[in-house]
Amino acid sequence: MSAVHVTPLHLVGPRLALREVEPEDTDGLLAIYGDADATRHLSFEPRTPEQVQSIVDRSIASATDTPRTEYCLAITRRGERHLIGYARLATEPQQAATIGFALHPDEWGKGMGTETVHLLCALGFRTLGLHRIWAARSPLNEASARTLLRAGMTEDGRIRDHVFVHGAWRDSITYSILADEWTPIGDLEVGPTTDTASPGRGGSRRR
């Protein structure tokens, strides 16, 4: 079987960059996904080293899918390689996608989340030609609410008992933004990707 050639995706903002996940990112991701504070408002409990390794492996493998429907990307500071966060965009039917991200606690409160959302919007709207992007947060995660609103998203509503985490069901607050509502921040660059979305195309995602 011949090897699958993948043109790496690379997005650059004023301070951050998103790049493809690499095998060397395991320790950096474990520092986030294995940390109780960093995962307090996420949809899962802290991950084990083995679980994080599996996430890294799946993230790398998803970049070779044809068509590509999932973009799992490392967040780094611009011009650096070290992973400080993890971002994901997964396409859905009707030219839509869901996004999510997590940053190391050392990077909280610096506006990094807002820039990450803008970079994901650049991927979705500029590169993939999407119409709508949405996200969800824990009702207790007010910092995430401010981040999503600053990025131009609109609060849509509440999904009741959306995820089961920490031994109980938890609601989610949802936000969305349309292509013609997004105002890019300055100095955004989007590198090549292996696939683009066409009108009406999408893929079902495993949750």
Protein backbone atom coordinates (compact mmCIF):
# COMPACT_ATOMS: atom_id res chain seq x y z
CA MET A 1 0.00 0.00 0.00
CA SER A 2 1.40 3.41 -0.95
CA ALA A 3 1.74 6.11 1.68
CA VAL A 4 -0.90 8.84 1.82
CA HIS A 5 0.57 12.26 1.10
CA VAL A 6 -0.86 15.02 3.27
CA THR A 7 -0.21 18.70 2.70
CA PRO A 8 0.11 20.06 6.26
CA LEU A 9 -2.37 22.70 7.32
CA HIS A 10 -0.93 25.81 8.95
CA LEU A 11 -2.78 28.90 10.19
CA VAL A 12 -1.04 31.95 11.61
CA GLY A 13 -2.49 34.82 13.64
CA PRO A 14 -0.97 37.86 15.34
CA ARG A 15 0.34 35.82 18.29
CA LEU A 16 -0.64 32.20 17.68
CA ALA A 17 -0.45 29.49 15.07
CA LEU A 18 -2.40 26.29 14.45
CA ARG A 19 -0.54 23.36 12.91
CA GLU A 20 -1.05 19.65 12.41
CA VAL A 21 -0.59 17.48 15.51
CA GLU A 22 2.72 15.58 15.64
CA PRO A 23 3.89 12.56 17.70
CA GLU A 24 6.06 14.88 19.80
CA ASP A 25 2.95 16.72 21.06
CA THR A 26 1.94 13.99 23.51
CA ASP A 27 3.60 15.50 26.58
CA GLY A 28 2.28 18.98 25.82
CA LEU A 29 -1.27 17.70 25.39
CA LEU A 30 -1.02 15.59 28.55
CA ALA A 31 -0.13 18.75 30.50
CA ILE A 32 -3.58 20.04 29.48
CA TYR A 33 -5.85 17.01 29.18
CA GLY A 34 -4.32 15.33 32.22
CA ASP A 35 -4.79 18.40 34.44
CA ALA A 36 -7.88 18.65 36.64
CA ASP A 37 -7.99 22.45 36.49
CA ALA A 38 -7.56 22.60 32.72
CA THR A 39 -10.37 20.09 32.14
CA ARG A 40 -12.76 21.39 34.81
CA HIS A 41 -15.26 22.75 32.27
CA LEU A 42 -14.61 20.28 29.45
CA SER A 43 -16.88 17.38 28.49
CA PHE A 44 -14.56 14.76 29.99
CA GLU A 45 -12.51 14.08 33.11
CA PRO A 46 -8.69 14.23 33.14
CA ARG A 47 -7.14 11.81 30.66
CA THR A 48 -4.48 9.22 31.36
CA PRO A 49 -1.18 9.19 29.44
CA GLU A 50 -2.48 6.25 27.40
CA GLN A 51 -5.68 8.10 26.53
CA VAL A 52 -3.75 11.20 25.48
CA GLN A 53 -1.47 9.08 23.29
CA SER A 54 -4.58 7.66 21.62
CA ILE A 55 -5.90 11.19 21.00
CA VAL A 56 -2.61 12.20 19.39
CA ASP A 57 -2.63 9.08 17.22
CA ARG A 58 -6.22 9.69 16.09
CA SER A 59 -5.51 13.35 15.42
CA ILE A 60 -2.61 12.46 13.14
CA ALA A 61 -4.64 9.76 11.38
CA SER A 62 -7.62 12.07 10.78
CA ALA A 63 -5.42 14.34 8.66
CA THR A 64 -5.20 11.56 6.05
CA ASP A 65 -8.96 11.03 5.70
CA THR A 66 -10.45 11.64 2.26
CA PRO A 67 -12.56 13.69 2.35
CA ARG A 68 -11.16 15.25 5.48
CA THR A 69 -13.93 16.09 7.94
CA GLU A 70 -11.96 16.61 11.15
CA TYR A 71 -9.15 19.08 11.81
CA CYS A 72 -7.35 18.40 15.10
CA LEU A 73 -4.64 21.02 15.47
CA ALA A 74 -1.92 22.02 17.90
CA ILE A 75 -2.03 25.59 19.19
CA THR A 76 1.42 27.19 19.46
CA ARG A 77 2.84 30.64 19.86
CA ARG A 78 3.66 32.18 16.51
CA GLY A 79 7.11 31.09 15.37
CA GLU A 80 7.38 28.34 18.00
CA ARG A 81 6.69 24.60 17.96
CA HIS A 82 5.71 23.80 21.57
CA LEU A 83 2.04 22.90 22.00
CA ILE A 84 0.19 25.21 24.39
CA GLY A 85 -3.31 24.14 23.38
CA TYR A 86 -5.42 21.85 21.23
CA ALA A 87 -8.09 22.95 18.76
CA ARG A 88 -10.63 20.99 16.73
CA LEU A 89 -13.00 21.71 13.86
CA ALA A 90 -15.34 18.94 12.70
CA THR A 91 -17.50 19.45 9.63
CA GLU A 92 -21.20 18.63 9.60
CA PRO A 93 -23.90 18.56 6.91
CA GLN A 94 -25.28 21.82 5.49
CA GLN A 95 -21.89 23.57 5.25
CA ALA A 96 -21.53 23.69 9.04
CA ALA A 97 -18.92 22.73 11.61
CA THR A 98 -18.47 22.53 15.35
CA ILE A 99 -15.34 23.87 17.01
CA GLY A 100 -13.67 23.46 20.37
CA PHE A 101 -10.35 24.14 22.01
CA ALA A 102 -8.40 23.87 25.26
CA LEU A 103 -5.43 25.93 26.41
CA HIS A 104 -2.86 25.29 29.11
CA PRO A 105 -3.85 27.22 32.28
CA ASP A 106 -0.66 29.29 31.99
CA GLU A 107 -2.17 30.84 28.84
CA TRP A 108 -5.55 31.77 30.31
CA GLY A 109 -6.57 35.41 30.55
CA LYS A 110 -4.34 36.57 27.68
CA GLY A 111 -6.85 36.65 24.83
CA MET A 112 -5.42 33.45 23.34
CA GLY A 113 -8.84 31.80 23.22
CA THR A 114 -10.35 34.61 21.15
CA GLU A 115 -7.50 34.41 18.65
CA THR A 116 -7.89 30.63 18.47
CA VAL A 117 -11.58 31.00 17.61
CA HIS A 118 -10.68 33.48 14.86
CA LEU A 119 -8.13 31.06 13.43
CA LEU A 120 -10.71 28.26 13.41
CA CYS A 121 -13.19 30.60 11.71
CA ALA A 122 -10.55 31.41 9.10
CA LEU A 123 -10.17 27.70 8.44
CA GLY A 124 -13.91 27.14 8.27
CA PHE A 125 -15.01 30.17 6.30
CA ARG A 126 -12.00 31.01 4.13
CA THR A 127 -10.56 27.59 3.40
CA LEU A 128 -13.52 25.22 3.67
CA GLY A 129 -16.23 27.58 2.44
CA LEU A 130 -18.55 26.86 5.36
CA HIS A 131 -21.72 28.81 6.15
CA ARG A 132 -22.09 28.27 9.90
CA ILE A 133 -19.76 27.42 12.78
CA TRP A 134 -20.96 26.63 16.28
CA ALA A 135 -19.50 25.87 19.70
CA ALA A 136 -20.70 24.78 23.14
CA ARG A 137 -19.54 25.55 26.68
CA SER A 138 -20.23 24.52 30.23
CA PRO A 139 -22.80 26.81 31.92
CA LEU A 140 -20.21 27.54 34.63
CA ASN A 141 -17.47 28.53 32.18
CA GLU A 142 -18.00 32.28 32.04
CA ALA A 143 -14.51 32.84 30.63
CA SER A 144 -15.48 30.76 27.60
CA ALA A 145 -18.65 32.82 27.20
CA ARG A 146 -16.62 36.03 27.04
CA THR A 147 -14.19 34.45 24.58
CA LEU A 148 -16.88 33.29 22.16
CA LEU A 149 -18.75 36.60 22.29
CA ARG A 150 -15.55 38.60 21.72
CA ALA A 151 -14.87 36.47 18.65
CA GLY A 152 -18.24 37.56 17.23
CA MET A 153 -20.36 34.51 18.03
CA THR A 154 -23.98 34.75 19.17
CA GLU A 155 -25.47 32.80 22.07
CA ASP A 156 -28.14 30.48 20.66
CA GLY A 157 -29.49 28.58 23.64
CA ARG A 158 -29.08 25.63 25.98
CA ILE A 159 -28.85 21.90 25.29
CA ARG A 160 -30.23 20.12 28.35
CA ASP A 161 -28.30 17.15 29.76
CA HIS A 162 -25.86 17.38 26.89
CA VAL A 163 -22.88 15.53 28.40
CA PHE A 164 -22.34 13.12 31.28
CA VAL A 165 -19.23 14.14 33.21
CA HIS A 166 -18.05 13.99 36.84
CA GLY A 167 -20.86 11.55 37.60
CA ALA A 168 -23.74 13.77 36.49
CA TRP A 169 -25.49 15.13 33.43
CA ARG A 170 -24.53 18.66 32.43
CA ASP A 171 -26.18 21.20 30.14
CA SER A 172 -24.29 23.08 27.44
CA ILE A 173 -24.71 26.67 26.24
CA THR A 174 -24.35 26.95 22.46
CA TYR A 175 -23.03 29.76 20.27
CA SER A 176 -22.77 30.21 16.51
CA ILE A 177 -21.48 32.55 13.84
CA LEU A 178 -22.33 32.78 10.13
CA ALA A 179 -19.85 33.44 7.36
CA ASP A 180 -21.19 36.93 6.65
CA GLU A 181 -21.08 37.82 10.37
CA TRP A 182 -17.42 37.05 10.90
CA THR A 183 -15.01 40.00 11.00
CA PRO A 184 -11.43 38.69 10.76
CA ILE A 185 -8.75 40.09 13.01
CA GLY A 186 -5.66 41.44 11.30
CA ASP A 187 -2.66 39.41 10.18
CA LEU A 188 -4.37 36.05 9.65
CA GLU A 189 -2.70 33.61 7.27
CA VAL A 190 -4.13 30.26 6.21
CA GLY A 191 -1.81 27.69 4.66
CA PRO A 192 -2.72 24.80 2.34
CA THR A 193 -5.06 22.01 3.26
CA THR A 194 -5.86 18.74 1.55
CA ASP A 195 -9.59 19.26 1.03
CA THR A 196 -12.26 21.93 0.76
CA ALA A 197 -15.96 21.78 1.47
CA SER A 198 -18.49 22.14 -1.30
CA PRO A 199 -22.09 23.36 -0.81
CA GLY A 200 -24.20 20.84 1.00
CA ARG A 201 -21.36 18.45 1.75
CA GLY A 202 -20.56 17.30 5.24
CA GLY A 203 -19.90 14.22 7.29
CA SER A 204 -21.46 12.73 10.36
CA ARG A 205 -19.14 12.86 13.34
CA ARG A 206 -18.65 10.53 16.25
CA ARG A 207 -19.20 12.35 19.53
